[in-house]
Amino acid sequence: MRRTVLEQFPAGDPRGSWPAEEFARARRDEGVPAEVVMDLDSDAFLVVIPQQAGEFRR
């Protein structure tokens, strides 16, 4: 599954994943299926949305 990253938040933030969760919740309130995942390589929380089949971004 491909995903589109909407925003990135540093994992070292004193509030942890809360800023990412708040951002994702705001997107979900707008109807965007956003979720938070951890990217270990960049040590960051990513807010992502699934890329629909047939949707292609360059």
C-alpha atoms as a PDB file:
ATOM      1  CA  MET A   1       0.000   0.000   0.000  1.00  0.00           C
ATOM      2  CA  ARG A   2       1.268   3.432  -0.910  1.00  0.00           C
ATOM      3  CA  ARG A   3       0.728   6.379   1.406  1.00  0.00           C
ATOM      4  CA  THR A   4       0.917  10.113   1.066  1.00  0.00           C
ATOM      5  CA  VAL A   5       2.624  12.006   3.903  1.00  0.00           C
ATOM      6  CA  LEU A   6       0.683  15.113   4.937  1.00  0.00           C
ATOM      7  CA  GLU A   7       2.924  16.266   7.787  1.00  0.00           C
ATOM      8  CA  GLN A   8       5.931  15.173   9.850  1.00  0.00           C
ATOM      9  CA  PHE A   9       6.483  15.741  13.604  1.00  0.00           C
ATOM     10  CA  PRO A  10       9.750  15.026  15.472  1.00  0.00           C
ATOM     11  CA  ALA A  11       9.549  12.071  17.843  1.00  0.00           C
ATOM     12  CA  GLY A  12      11.671  13.937  20.385  1.00  0.00           C
ATOM     13  CA  ASP A  13       8.908  16.498  21.018  1.00  0.00           C
ATOM     14  CA  PRO A  14       8.155  16.792  24.753  1.00  0.00           C
ATOM     15  CA  ARG A  15       4.497  16.048  24.013  1.00  0.00           C
ATOM     16  CA  GLY A  16       5.364  12.857  22.129  1.00  0.00           C
ATOM     17  CA  SER A  17       2.917  11.928  19.375  1.00  0.00           C
ATOM     18  CA  TRP A  18       0.189  14.327  20.575  1.00  0.00           C
ATOM     19  CA  PRO A  19       0.886  17.055  17.972  1.00  0.00           C
ATOM     20  CA  ALA A  20       0.695  14.460  15.199  1.00  0.00           C
ATOM     21  CA  GLU A  21      -2.474  12.938  16.675  1.00  0.00           C
ATOM     22  CA  GLU A  22      -4.094  16.369  16.952  1.00  0.00           C
ATOM     23  CA  PHE A  23      -3.186  17.188  13.342  1.00  0.00           C
ATOM     24  CA  ALA A  24      -4.546  13.829  12.136  1.00  0.00           C
ATOM     25  CA  ARG A  25      -7.784  14.316  14.094  1.00  0.00           C
ATOM     26  CA  ALA A  26      -8.290  17.729  12.489  1.00  0.00           C
ATOM     27  CA  ARG A  27      -7.841  16.161   9.030  1.00  0.00           C
ATOM     28  CA  ARG A  28     -10.302  13.359   9.906  1.00  0.00           C
ATOM     29  CA  ASP A  29     -12.802  16.007  11.030  1.00  0.00           C
ATOM     30  CA  GLU A  30     -12.434  17.430   7.489  1.00  0.00           C
ATOM     31  CA  GLY A  31     -13.175  14.002   6.009  1.00  0.00           C
ATOM     32  CA  VAL A  32      -9.583  13.022   5.203  1.00  0.00           C
ATOM     33  CA  PRO A  33      -8.700   9.465   6.344  1.00  0.00           C
ATOM     34  CA  ALA A  34      -5.490  10.521   8.138  1.00  0.00           C
ATOM     35  CA  GLU A  35      -3.578   8.299  10.521  1.00  0.00           C
ATOM     36  CA  VAL A  36      -0.314   8.550  12.474  1.00  0.00           C
ATOM     37  CA  VAL A  37       2.593   6.186  11.904  1.00  0.00           C
ATOM     38  CA  MET A  38       6.126   6.146  13.300  1.00  0.00           C
ATOM     39  CA  ASP A  39       9.016   6.395  10.857  1.00  0.00           C
ATOM     40  CA  LEU A  40      11.988   4.884  12.666  1.00  0.00           C
ATOM     41  CA  ASP A  41      14.489   5.920   9.983  1.00  0.00           C
ATOM     42  CA  SER A  42      13.729   9.622  10.403  1.00  0.00           C
ATOM     43  CA  ASP A  43      12.712   9.356  14.104  1.00  0.00           C
ATOM     44  CA  ALA A  44       9.456  11.139  13.373  1.00  0.00           C
ATOM     45  CA  PHE A  45       5.708  10.689  13.568  1.00  0.00           C
ATOM     46  CA  LEU A  46       4.126  10.942  10.137  1.00  0.00           C
ATOM     47  CA  VAL A  47       0.527  11.838   9.393  1.00  0.00           C
ATOM     48  CA  VAL A  48      -0.381   9.825   6.320  1.00  0.00           C
ATOM     49  CA  ILE A  49      -3.347   9.006   4.133  1.00  0.00           C
ATOM     50  CA  PRO A  50      -3.663   5.857   2.029  1.00  0.00           C
ATOM     51  CA  GLN A  51      -3.259   6.406  -1.704  1.00  0.00           C
ATOM     52  CA  GLN A  52      -6.277   5.074  -3.573  1.00  0.00           C
ATOM     53  CA  ALA A  53      -5.826   2.437  -6.275  1.00  0.00           C
ATOM     54  CA  GLY A  54      -5.663   4.185  -9.621  1.00  0.00           C
ATOM     55  CA  GLU A  55      -4.443   7.420  -8.048  1.00  0.00           C
ATOM     56  CA  PHE A  56      -0.930   8.218  -9.190  1.00  0.00           C
ATOM     57  CA  ARG A  57       1.241  11.077  -7.964  1.00  0.00           C
ATOM     58  CA  ARG A  58       4.449  12.187  -9.617  1.00  0.00           C
END
